[in-house]
């Protein structure tokens, strides 16, 4: 995926704005793989895409390896229900705002 390749090639990136790009589950998973390779990443906004449950889970799963991350905007990404949202909030350290 071109976006994930671009993210990995820019180690100095601190803000990644991907909102409203029609990114689906597969793209979300690729972005999730790239995020830990960006040691300065503090903000990742990916609202209003099509990540779905699996894409959002993939992003949340890598957050423990993104030591500088403080804000991850995942709202309006076709996450199935409020119960999933609550489980995801419990899966990350309190300093990270998931925006869901």
C-alpha atoms as a PDB file:
ATOM      1  CA  UNK A   1       0.000   0.000   0.000  1.00  0.00           C
ATOM      2  CA  UNK A   2       1.394   3.389  -1.003  1.00  0.00           C
ATOM      3  CA  UNK A   3       0.384   5.230   2.193  1.00  0.00           C
ATOM      4  CA  UNK A   4       2.055   2.701   4.480  1.00  0.00           C
ATOM      5  CA  UNK A   5       5.226   2.777   2.338  1.00  0.00           C
ATOM      6  CA  UNK A   6       5.312   6.572   2.564  1.00  0.00           C
ATOM      7  CA  UNK A   7       4.857   6.476   6.333  1.00  0.00           C
ATOM      8  CA  UNK A   8       7.752   4.055   6.794  1.00  0.00           C
ATOM      9  CA  UNK A   9      10.047   6.072   4.533  1.00  0.00           C
ATOM     10  CA  UNK A  10       9.635   9.186   6.678  1.00  0.00           C
ATOM     11  CA  UNK A  11      11.109   8.422  10.105  1.00  0.00           C
ATOM     12  CA  UNK A  12      10.815  12.035  11.233  1.00  0.00           C
ATOM     13  CA  UNK A  13       7.020  12.208  10.862  1.00  0.00           C
ATOM     14  CA  UNK A  14       5.181  13.316  14.006  1.00  0.00           C
ATOM     15  CA  UNK A  15       1.657  13.852  12.644  1.00  0.00           C
ATOM     16  CA  UNK A  16      -0.155  11.601  10.212  1.00  0.00           C
ATOM     17  CA  UNK A  17      -3.447  12.951   8.826  1.00  0.00           C
ATOM     18  CA  UNK A  18      -5.422  10.265   6.977  1.00  0.00           C
ATOM     19  CA  UNK A  19      -9.033  11.254   7.652  1.00  0.00           C
ATOM     20  CA  UNK A  20     -11.675  10.969   4.930  1.00  0.00           C
ATOM     21  CA  UNK A  21      -9.624   8.863   2.532  1.00  0.00           C
ATOM     22  CA  UNK A  22     -11.874   5.805   2.120  1.00  0.00           C
ATOM     23  CA  UNK A  23      -9.163   3.607   3.700  1.00  0.00           C
ATOM     24  CA  UNK A  24     -10.545   0.124   4.296  1.00  0.00           C
ATOM     25  CA  UNK A  25      -9.548  -2.693   6.642  1.00  0.00           C
ATOM     26  CA  UNK A  26      -6.567  -3.874   4.579  1.00  0.00           C
ATOM     27  CA  UNK A  27      -5.151  -0.366   4.384  1.00  0.00           C
ATOM     28  CA  UNK A  28      -5.674   0.136   8.106  1.00  0.00           C
ATOM     29  CA  UNK A  29      -3.704  -3.030   8.820  1.00  0.00           C
ATOM     30  CA  UNK A  30      -0.837  -1.839   6.603  1.00  0.00           C
ATOM     31  CA  UNK A  31      -0.797   1.551   8.312  1.00  0.00           C
ATOM     32  CA  UNK A  32      -0.775  -0.214  11.677  1.00  0.00           C
ATOM     33  CA  UNK A  33       2.325  -2.182  10.622  1.00  0.00           C
ATOM     34  CA  UNK A  34       4.063   1.050   9.621  1.00  0.00           C
ATOM     35  CA  UNK A  35       3.255   3.088  12.739  1.00  0.00           C
ATOM     36  CA  UNK A  36       5.861   1.527  15.101  1.00  0.00           C
ATOM     37  CA  UNK A  37       8.549   2.327  12.522  1.00  0.00           C
ATOM     38  CA  UNK A  38       7.926   6.045  13.079  1.00  0.00           C
ATOM     39  CA  UNK A  39       9.512   6.714  16.487  1.00  0.00           C
ATOM     40  CA  UNK A  40       8.438  10.393  16.601  1.00  0.00           C
ATOM     41  CA  UNK A  41       4.775   9.811  15.714  1.00  0.00           C
ATOM     42  CA  UNK A  42       2.594  11.691  18.213  1.00  0.00           C
ATOM     43  CA  UNK A  43      -0.708  12.073  16.352  1.00  0.00           C
ATOM     44  CA  UNK A  44      -2.449   9.802  13.877  1.00  0.00           C
ATOM     45  CA  UNK A  45      -5.843  11.022  12.627  1.00  0.00           C
ATOM     46  CA  UNK A  46      -7.773   8.530  10.526  1.00  0.00           C
ATOM     47  CA  UNK A  47     -11.389   9.514  11.151  1.00  0.00           C
ATOM     48  CA  UNK A  48     -14.158   8.900   8.633  1.00  0.00           C
ATOM     49  CA  UNK A  49     -12.595   5.982   6.827  1.00  0.00           C
ATOM     50  CA  UNK A  50     -13.732   2.366   6.513  1.00  0.00           C
ATOM     51  CA  UNK A  51     -11.377   0.625   8.944  1.00  0.00           C
ATOM     52  CA  UNK A  52     -14.075  -1.546  10.521  1.00  0.00           C
ATOM     53  CA  UNK A  53     -13.517  -3.569  13.667  1.00  0.00           C
ATOM     54  CA  UNK A  54     -10.449  -5.453  12.418  1.00  0.00           C
ATOM     55  CA  UNK A  55      -8.708  -2.354  11.092  1.00  0.00           C
ATOM     56  CA  UNK A  56      -9.298  -0.422  14.311  1.00  0.00           C
ATOM     57  CA  UNK A  57      -8.117  -3.402  16.371  1.00  0.00           C
ATOM     58  CA  UNK A  58      -4.934  -3.582  14.260  1.00  0.00           C
ATOM     59  CA  UNK A  59      -4.140   0.069  14.968  1.00  0.00           C
ATOM     60  CA  UNK A  60      -4.892  -0.285  18.686  1.00  0.00           C
ATOM     61  CA  UNK A  61      -2.733  -3.422  18.892  1.00  0.00           C
ATOM     62  CA  UNK A  62       0.426  -1.548  17.828  1.00  0.00           C
ATOM     63  CA  UNK A  63      -0.020   1.466  20.094  1.00  0.00           C
ATOM     64  CA  UNK A  64       2.044  -0.092  22.878  1.00  0.00           C
ATOM     65  CA  UNK A  65       5.013   0.001  20.464  1.00  0.00           C
ATOM     66  CA  UNK A  66       4.418   3.656  19.530  1.00  0.00           C
ATOM     67  CA  UNK A  67       5.997   5.278  22.565  1.00  0.00           C
ATOM     68  CA  UNK A  68       5.422   8.922  21.637  1.00  0.00           C
ATOM     69  CA  UNK A  69       1.825   8.571  20.406  1.00  0.00           C
ATOM     70  CA  UNK A  70      -0.691  10.684  22.322  1.00  0.00           C
ATOM     71  CA  UNK A  71      -3.671  11.065  19.980  1.00  0.00           C
ATOM     72  CA  UNK A  72      -5.219   8.551  17.607  1.00  0.00           C
ATOM     73  CA  UNK A  73      -8.396   9.717  15.898  1.00  0.00           C
ATOM     74  CA  UNK A  74     -10.425   6.698  14.850  1.00  0.00           C
ATOM     75  CA  UNK A  75     -13.951   8.054  15.069  1.00  0.00           C
ATOM     76  CA  UNK A  76     -16.500   7.262  12.341  1.00  0.00           C
ATOM     77  CA  UNK A  77     -14.722   4.140  11.115  1.00  0.00           C
ATOM     78  CA  UNK A  78     -17.559   1.629  11.030  1.00  0.00           C
ATOM     79  CA  UNK A  79     -16.778   0.170  14.434  1.00  0.00           C
ATOM     80  CA  UNK A  80     -19.662  -2.155  15.221  1.00  0.00           C
ATOM     81  CA  UNK A  81     -20.917  -1.158  18.657  1.00  0.00           C
ATOM     82  CA  UNK A  82     -20.308   0.724  21.875  1.00  0.00           C
ATOM     83  CA  UNK A  83     -19.112  -2.451  23.626  1.00  0.00           C
ATOM     84  CA  UNK A  84     -16.217  -2.731  21.164  1.00  0.00           C
ATOM     85  CA  UNK A  85     -15.384   0.928  21.735  1.00  0.00           C
ATOM     86  CA  UNK A  86     -15.192   0.375  25.483  1.00  0.00           C
ATOM     87  CA  UNK A  87     -12.931  -2.685  25.077  1.00  0.00           C
ATOM     88  CA  UNK A  88     -10.594  -0.728  22.819  1.00  0.00           C
ATOM     89  CA  UNK A  89     -10.363   2.120  25.300  1.00  0.00           C
ATOM     90  CA  UNK A  90      -9.263  -0.366  27.952  1.00  0.00           C
ATOM     91  CA  UNK A  91      -6.569  -1.760  25.651  1.00  0.00           C
ATOM     92  CA  UNK A  92      -4.318   1.302  25.591  1.00  0.00           C
ATOM     93  CA  UNK A  93      -2.457   3.335  28.149  1.00  0.00           C
ATOM     94  CA  UNK A  94      -4.471   6.210  29.618  1.00  0.00           C
ATOM     95  CA  UNK A  95      -2.299   8.918  28.042  1.00  0.00           C
ATOM     96  CA  UNK A  96      -3.566   8.020  24.566  1.00  0.00           C
ATOM     97  CA  UNK A  97      -6.800   9.573  23.359  1.00  0.00           C
ATOM     98  CA  UNK A  98      -8.405   7.199  20.841  1.00  0.00           C
ATOM     99  CA  UNK A  99     -11.108   9.558  19.737  1.00  0.00           C
ATOM    100  CA  UNK A 100     -13.756   6.840  19.515  1.00  0.00           C
END
